[in-house]
Amino acid sequence: AQHFSTQNGGPGGAPGSAIQEKDGDTITT
């Protein structure tokens, strides 16, 4: 499992300050 964030303005639309978690095939904020 990994935690990550993305840069603002990406096509996926996630805010730049959102922290997301990848756990297997599941991605959640």
PDB file of all heavy atoms in Angstrom:
ATOM      1  N   ALA A   1       0.834  -1.200   0.000  1.00  0.00           N
ATOM      2  CA  ALA A   1       0.000   0.000   0.000  1.00  0.00           C
ATOM      3  C   ALA A   1       0.871   1.252   0.000  1.00  0.00           C
ATOM      4  O   ALA A   1       1.857   1.340   0.722  1.00  0.00           O
ATOM      5  CB  ALA A   1      -0.921  -0.011   1.208  1.00  0.00           C
ATOM      6  N   GLN A   2       0.486   2.219  -0.814  1.00  0.00           N
ATOM      7  CA  GLN A   2       1.238   3.458  -0.932  1.00  0.00           C
ATOM      8  C   GLN A   2       0.292   4.639  -0.802  1.00  0.00           C
ATOM      9  O   GLN A   2      -0.878   4.561  -1.175  1.00  0.00           O
ATOM     10  CB  GLN A   2       1.956   3.530  -2.286  1.00  0.00           C
ATOM     11  CG  GLN A   2       3.029   2.474  -2.489  1.00  0.00           C
ATOM     12  CD  GLN A   2       3.558   2.482  -3.908  1.00  0.00           C
ATOM     13  OE1 GLN A   2       2.815   2.271  -4.855  1.00  0.00           O
ATOM     14  NE2 GLN A   2       4.847   2.729  -4.066  1.00  0.00           N
ATOM     15  N   HIS A   3       0.828   5.740  -0.297  1.00  0.00           N
ATOM     16  CA  HIS A   3       0.077   6.989  -0.236  1.00  0.00           C
ATOM     17  C   HIS A   3       0.740   7.985  -1.178  1.00  0.00           C
ATOM     18  O   HIS A   3       1.966   8.009  -1.314  1.00  0.00           O
ATOM     19  CB  HIS A   3       0.058   7.524   1.197  1.00  0.00           C
ATOM     20  CG  HIS A   3      -0.653   6.622   2.154  1.00  0.00           C
ATOM     21  ND1 HIS A   3      -0.011   5.597   2.818  1.00  0.00           N
ATOM     22  CD2 HIS A   3      -1.954   6.567   2.536  1.00  0.00           C
ATOM     23  CE1 HIS A   3      -0.881   4.954   3.585  1.00  0.00           C
ATOM     24  NE2 HIS A   3      -2.061   5.526   3.426  1.00  0.00           N
ATOM     25  N   PHE A   4      -0.073   8.809  -1.808  1.00  0.00           N
ATOM     26  CA  PHE A   4       0.475   9.706  -2.811  1.00  0.00           C
ATOM     27  C   PHE A   4      -0.421  10.919  -3.001  1.00  0.00           C
ATOM     28  O   PHE A   4      -1.583  10.945  -2.577  1.00  0.00           O
ATOM     29  CB  PHE A   4       0.670   8.974  -4.141  1.00  0.00           C
ATOM     30  CG  PHE A   4      -0.605   8.503  -4.806  1.00  0.00           C
ATOM     31  CD1 PHE A   4      -1.228   9.274  -5.782  1.00  0.00           C
ATOM     32  CD2 PHE A   4      -1.183   7.290  -4.453  1.00  0.00           C
ATOM     33  CE1 PHE A   4      -2.394   8.845  -6.398  1.00  0.00           C
ATOM     34  CE2 PHE A   4      -2.352   6.850  -5.058  1.00  0.00           C
ATOM     35  CZ  PHE A   4      -2.958   7.622  -6.033  1.00  0.00           C
ATOM     36  N   SER A   5       0.131  11.926  -3.657  1.00  0.00           N
ATOM     37  CA  SER A   5      -0.665  13.069  -4.115  1.00  0.00           C
ATOM     38  C   SER A   5      -0.218  13.413  -5.525  1.00  0.00           C
ATOM     39  O   SER A   5       0.845  12.988  -5.976  1.00  0.00           O
ATOM     40  CB  SER A   5      -0.492  14.279  -3.182  1.00  0.00           C
ATOM     41  OG  SER A   5       0.813  14.811  -3.281  1.00  0.00           O
ATOM     42  N   THR A   6      -1.043  14.178  -6.211  1.00  0.00           N
ATOM     43  CA  THR A   6      -0.732  14.589  -7.576  1.00  0.00           C
ATOM     44  C   THR A   6      -0.701  16.108  -7.664  1.00  0.00           C
ATOM     45  O   THR A   6      -1.292  16.807  -6.836  1.00  0.00           O
ATOM     46  CB  THR A   6      -1.760  14.044  -8.578  1.00  0.00           C
ATOM     47  OG1 THR A   6      -3.071  14.475  -8.190  1.00  0.00           O
ATOM     48  CG2 THR A   6      -1.721  12.519  -8.610  1.00  0.00           C
ATOM     49  N   GLN A   7      -0.019  16.609  -8.681  1.00  0.00           N
ATOM     50  CA  GLN A   7       0.084  18.052  -8.859  1.00  0.00           C
ATOM     51  C   GLN A   7      -1.250  18.622  -9.312  1.00  0.00           C
ATOM     52  O   GLN A   7      -1.998  17.996 -10.062  1.00  0.00           O
ATOM     53  CB  GLN A   7       1.171  18.366  -9.884  1.00  0.00           C
ATOM     54  CG  GLN A   7       1.500  19.843 -10.006  1.00  0.00           C
ATOM     55  CD  GLN A   7       2.704  20.081 -10.894  1.00  0.00           C
ATOM     56  OE1 GLN A   7       3.525  19.186 -11.081  1.00  0.00           O
ATOM     57  NE2 GLN A   7       2.811  21.288 -11.449  1.00  0.00           N
ATOM     58  N   ASN A   8      -1.532  19.836  -8.833  1.00  0.00           N
ATOM     59  CA  ASN A   8      -2.747  20.531  -9.248  1.00  0.00           C
ATOM     60  C   ASN A   8      -2.827  20.656 -10.764  1.00  0.00           C
ATOM     61  O   ASN A   8      -1.809  20.767 -11.457  1.00  0.00           O
ATOM     62  CB  ASN A   8      -2.775  21.941  -8.649  1.00  0.00           C
ATOM     63  CG  ASN A   8      -3.609  22.027  -7.389  1.00  0.00           C
ATOM     64  OD1 ASN A   8      -4.536  21.246  -7.201  1.00  0.00           O
ATOM     65  ND2 ASN A   8      -3.272  22.971  -6.518  1.00  0.00           N
ATOM     66  N   GLY A   9      -4.064  20.641 -11.279  1.00  0.00           N
ATOM     67  CA  GLY A   9      -4.289  20.923 -12.688  1.00  0.00           C
ATOM     68  C   GLY A   9      -4.200  19.729 -13.603  1.00  0.00           C
ATOM     69  O   GLY A   9      -4.283  19.885 -14.824  1.00  0.00           O
ATOM     70  N   GLY A  10      -4.045  18.526 -13.052  1.00  0.00           N
ATOM     71  CA  GLY A  10      -3.970  17.340 -13.887  1.00  0.00           C
ATOM     72  C   GLY A  10      -5.325  16.948 -14.437  1.00  0.00           C
ATOM     73  O   GLY A  10      -6.369  17.327 -13.898  1.00  0.00           O
ATOM     74  N   PRO A  11      -5.363  16.151 -15.523  1.00  0.00           N
ATOM     75  CA  PRO A  11      -6.637  15.780 -16.148  1.00  0.00           C
ATOM     76  C   PRO A  11      -7.492  14.875 -15.282  1.00  0.00           C
ATOM     77  O   PRO A  11      -8.698  14.786 -15.491  1.00  0.00           O
ATOM     78  CB  PRO A  11      -6.195  15.058 -17.432  1.00  0.00           C
ATOM     79  CG  PRO A  11      -4.823  14.558 -17.132  1.00  0.00           C
ATOM     80  CD  PRO A  11      -4.202  15.598 -16.247  1.00  0.00           C
ATOM     81  N   GLY A  12      -6.878  14.218 -14.280  1.00  0.00           N
ATOM     82  CA  GLY A  12      -7.664  13.376 -13.385  1.00  0.00           C
ATOM     83  C   GLY A  12      -8.532  14.170 -12.428  1.00  0.00           C
ATOM     84  O   GLY A  12      -9.484  13.628 -11.852  1.00  0.00           O
ATOM     85  N   GLY A  13      -8.202  15.457 -12.231  1.00  0.00           N
ATOM     86  CA  GLY A  13      -9.045  16.342 -11.441  1.00  0.00           C
ATOM     87  C   GLY A  13      -8.835  16.308  -9.948  1.00  0.00           C
ATOM     88  O   GLY A  13      -9.517  17.021  -9.210  1.00  0.00           O
ATOM     89  N   ALA A  14      -7.903  15.506  -9.439  1.00  0.00           N
ATOM     90  CA  ALA A  14      -7.683  15.450  -7.994  1.00  0.00           C
ATOM     91  C   ALA A  14      -7.032  16.742  -7.513  1.00  0.00           C
ATOM     92  O   ALA A  14      -6.098  17.243  -8.153  1.00  0.00           O
ATOM     93  CB  ALA A  14      -6.815  14.256  -7.634  1.00  0.00           C
ATOM     94  N   PRO A  15      -7.494  17.310  -6.398  1.00  0.00           N
ATOM     95  CA  PRO A  15      -6.839  18.502  -5.854  1.00  0.00           C
ATOM     96  C   PRO A  15      -5.388  18.203  -5.496  1.00  0.00           C
ATOM     97  O   PRO A  15      -5.038  17.083  -5.113  1.00  0.00           O
ATOM     98  CB  PRO A  15      -7.662  18.814  -4.593  1.00  0.00           C
ATOM     99  CG  PRO A  15      -8.964  18.108  -4.790  1.00  0.00           C
ATOM    100  CD  PRO A  15      -8.660  16.889  -5.600  1.00  0.00           C
ATOM    101  N   GLY A  16      -4.538  19.207  -5.610  1.00  0.00           N
ATOM    102  CA  GLY A  16      -3.128  19.007  -5.326  1.00  0.00           C
ATOM    103  C   GLY A  16      -2.823  18.731  -3.871  1.00  0.00           C
ATOM    104  O   GLY A  16      -1.715  18.289  -3.554  1.00  0.00           O
ATOM    105  N   SER A  17      -3.760  19.003  -2.981  1.00  0.00           N
ATOM    106  CA  SER A  17      -3.521  18.732  -1.557  1.00  0.00           C
ATOM    107  C   SER A  17      -4.256  17.488  -1.065  1.00  0.00           C
ATOM    108  O   SER A  17      -4.245  17.198   0.130  1.00  0.00           O
ATOM    109  CB  SER A  17      -3.934  19.938  -0.704  1.00  0.00           C
ATOM    110  OG  SER A  17      -5.327  20.190  -0.831  1.00  0.00           O
ATOM    111  N   ALA A  18      -4.887  16.743  -1.961  1.00  0.00           N
ATOM    112  CA  ALA A  18      -5.555  15.498  -1.562  1.00  0.00           C
ATOM    113  C   ALA A  18      -4.524  14.383  -1.400  1.00  0.00           C
ATOM    114  O   ALA A  18      -3.634  14.227  -2.241  1.00  0.00           O
ATOM    115  CB  ALA A  18      -6.603  15.099  -2.595  1.00  0.00           C
ATOM    116  N   ILE A  19      -4.632  13.608  -0.326  1.00  0.00           N
ATOM    117  CA  ILE A  19      -3.752  12.464  -0.100  1.00  0.00           C
ATOM    118  C   ILE A  19      -4.537  11.207  -0.420  1.00  0.00           C
ATOM    119  O   ILE A  19      -5.600  10.955   0.157  1.00  0.00           O
ATOM    120  CB  ILE A  19      -3.240  12.425   1.347  1.00  0.00           C
ATOM    121  CG1 ILE A  19      -2.417  13.682   1.641  1.00  0.00           C
ATOM    122  CG2 ILE A  19      -2.406  11.171   1.586  1.00  0.00           C
ATOM    123  CD1 ILE A  19      -1.976  13.807   3.084  1.00  0.00           C
ATOM    124  N   GLN A  20      -4.031  10.421  -1.357  1.00  0.00           N
ATOM    125  CA  GLN A  20      -4.712   9.217  -1.803  1.00  0.00           C
ATOM    126  C   GLN A  20      -3.934   7.970  -1.382  1.00  0.00           C
ATOM    127  O   GLN A  20      -2.730   8.031  -1.141  1.00  0.00           O
ATOM    128  CB  GLN A  20      -4.882   9.247  -3.326  1.00  0.00           C
ATOM    129  CG  GLN A  20      -5.675  10.464  -3.809  1.00  0.00           C
ATOM    130  CD  GLN A  20      -5.834  10.484  -5.309  1.00  0.00           C
ATOM    131  OE1 GLN A  20      -6.559   9.679  -5.890  1.00  0.00           O
ATOM    132  NE2 GLN A  20      -5.145  11.408  -5.963  1.00  0.00           N
ATOM    133  N   GLU A  21      -4.634   6.862  -1.320  1.00  0.00           N
ATOM    134  CA  GLU A  21      -4.017   5.597  -0.937  1.00  0.00           C
ATOM    135  C   GLU A  21      -4.253   4.557  -2.015  1.00  0.00           C
ATOM    136  O   GLU A  21      -5.381   4.373  -2.475  1.00  0.00           O
ATOM    137  CB  GLU A  21      -4.597   5.091   0.389  1.00  0.00           C
ATOM    138  CG  GLU A  21      -4.001   3.754   0.853  1.00  0.00           C
ATOM    139  CD  GLU A  21      -4.618   3.261   2.139  1.00  0.00           C
ATOM    140  OE1 GLU A  21      -5.668   2.574   2.074  1.00  0.00           O
ATOM    141  OE2 GLU A  21      -4.071   3.572   3.221  1.00  0.00           O
ATOM    142  N   LYS A  22      -3.180   3.877  -2.406  1.00  0.00           N
ATOM    143  CA  LYS A  22      -3.276   2.730  -3.308  1.00  0.00           C
ATOM    144  C   LYS A  22      -3.098   1.478  -2.462  1.00  0.00           C
ATOM    145  O   LYS A  22      -2.037   1.254  -1.876  1.00  0.00           O
ATOM    146  CB  LYS A  22      -2.210   2.787  -4.390  1.00  0.00           C
ATOM    147  CG  LYS A  22      -2.128   1.500  -5.220  1.00  0.00           C
ATOM    148  CD  LYS A  22      -1.050   1.593  -6.285  1.00  0.00           C
ATOM    149  CE  LYS A  22      -0.812   0.249  -6.953  1.00  0.00           C
ATOM    150  NZ  LYS A  22      -2.044  -0.326  -7.554  1.00  0.00           N
ATOM    151  N   ASP A  23      -4.127   0.662  -2.402  1.00  0.00           N
ATOM    152  CA  ASP A  23      -4.060  -0.604  -1.677  1.00  0.00           C
ATOM    153  C   ASP A  23      -4.511  -1.695  -2.640  1.00  0.00           C
ATOM    154  O   ASP A  23      -5.714  -1.897  -2.848  1.00  0.00           O
ATOM    155  CB  ASP A  23      -4.951  -0.572  -0.439  1.00  0.00           C
ATOM    156  CG  ASP A  23      -4.749  -1.784   0.460  1.00  0.00           C
ATOM    157  OD1 ASP A  23      -3.941  -2.658   0.097  1.00  0.00           O
ATOM    158  OD2 ASP A  23      -5.392  -1.861   1.523  1.00  0.00           O
ATOM    159  N   GLY A  24      -3.542  -2.354  -3.272  1.00  0.00           N
ATOM    160  CA  GLY A  24      -3.887  -3.300  -4.322  1.00  0.00           C
ATOM    161  C   GLY A  24      -4.482  -2.574  -5.509  1.00  0.00           C
ATOM    162  O   GLY A  24      -3.892  -1.638  -6.044  1.00  0.00           O
ATOM    163  N   ASP A  25      -5.683  -2.973  -5.915  1.00  0.00           N
ATOM    164  CA  ASP A  25      -6.357  -2.331  -7.044  1.00  0.00           C
ATOM    165  C   ASP A  25      -7.264  -1.186  -6.616  1.00  0.00           C
ATOM    166  O   ASP A  25      -7.935  -0.590  -7.449  1.00  0.00           O
ATOM    167  CB  ASP A  25      -7.206  -3.362  -7.796  1.00  0.00           C
ATOM    168  CG  ASP A  25      -6.346  -4.363  -8.551  1.00  0.00           C
ATOM    169  OD1 ASP A  25      -5.145  -4.075  -8.762  1.00  0.00           O
ATOM    170  OD2 ASP A  25      -6.860  -5.432  -8.925  1.00  0.00           O
ATOM    171  N   THR A  26      -7.291  -0.869  -5.323  1.00  0.00           N
ATOM    172  CA  THR A  26      -8.219   0.132  -4.803  1.00  0.00           C
ATOM    173  C   THR A  26      -7.506   1.453  -4.548  1.00  0.00           C
ATOM    174  O   THR A  26      -6.467   1.493  -3.884  1.00  0.00           O
ATOM    175  CB  THR A  26      -8.863  -0.354  -3.494  1.00  0.00           C
ATOM    176  OG1 THR A  26      -9.522  -1.604  -3.724  1.00  0.00           O
ATOM    177  CG2 THR A  26      -9.870   0.667  -2.979  1.00  0.00           C
ATOM    178  N   ILE A  27      -8.064   2.536  -5.091  1.00  0.00           N
ATOM    179  CA  ILE A  27      -7.548   3.884  -4.877  1.00  0.00           C
ATOM    180  C   ILE A  27      -8.604   4.685  -4.130  1.00  0.00           C
ATOM    181  O   ILE A  27      -9.743   4.805  -4.595  1.00  0.00           O
ATOM    182  CB  ILE A  27      -7.220   4.602  -6.202  1.00  0.00           C
ATOM    183  CG1 ILE A  27      -6.352   3.717  -7.102  1.00  0.00           C
ATOM    184  CG2 ILE A  27      -6.555   5.944  -5.936  1.00  0.00           C
ATOM    185  CD1 ILE A  27      -4.973   3.453  -6.577  1.00  0.00           C
ATOM    186  N   THR A  28      -8.248   5.238  -2.977  1.00  0.00           N
ATOM    187  CA  THR A  28      -9.190   6.040  -2.195  1.00  0.00           C
ATOM    188  C   THR A  28      -8.492   7.304  -1.695  1.00  0.00           C
ATOM    189  O   THR A  28      -7.275   7.309  -1.471  1.00  0.00           O
ATOM    190  CB  THR A  28      -9.737   5.261  -0.993  1.00  0.00           C
ATOM    191  OG1 THR A  28      -8.640   4.766  -0.199  1.00  0.00           O
ATOM    192  CG2 THR A  28     -10.594   4.092  -1.441  1.00  0.00           C
ATOM    193  N   THR A  29      -9.271   8.374  -1.532  1.00  0.00           N
ATOM    194  CA  THR A  29      -8.764   9.583  -0.898  1.00  0.00           C
ATOM    195  C   THR A  29      -8.911   9.425   0.612  1.00  0.00           C
ATOM    196  O   THR A  29     -10.013   9.194   1.110  1.00  0.00           O
ATOM    197  CB  THR A  29      -9.523  10.821  -1.380  1.00  0.00           C
ATOM    198  OG1 THR A  29      -9.343  10.967  -2.800  1.00  0.00           O
ATOM    199  CG2 THR A  29      -9.007  12.077  -0.693  1.00  0.00           C
TER     200      THR A  29
END
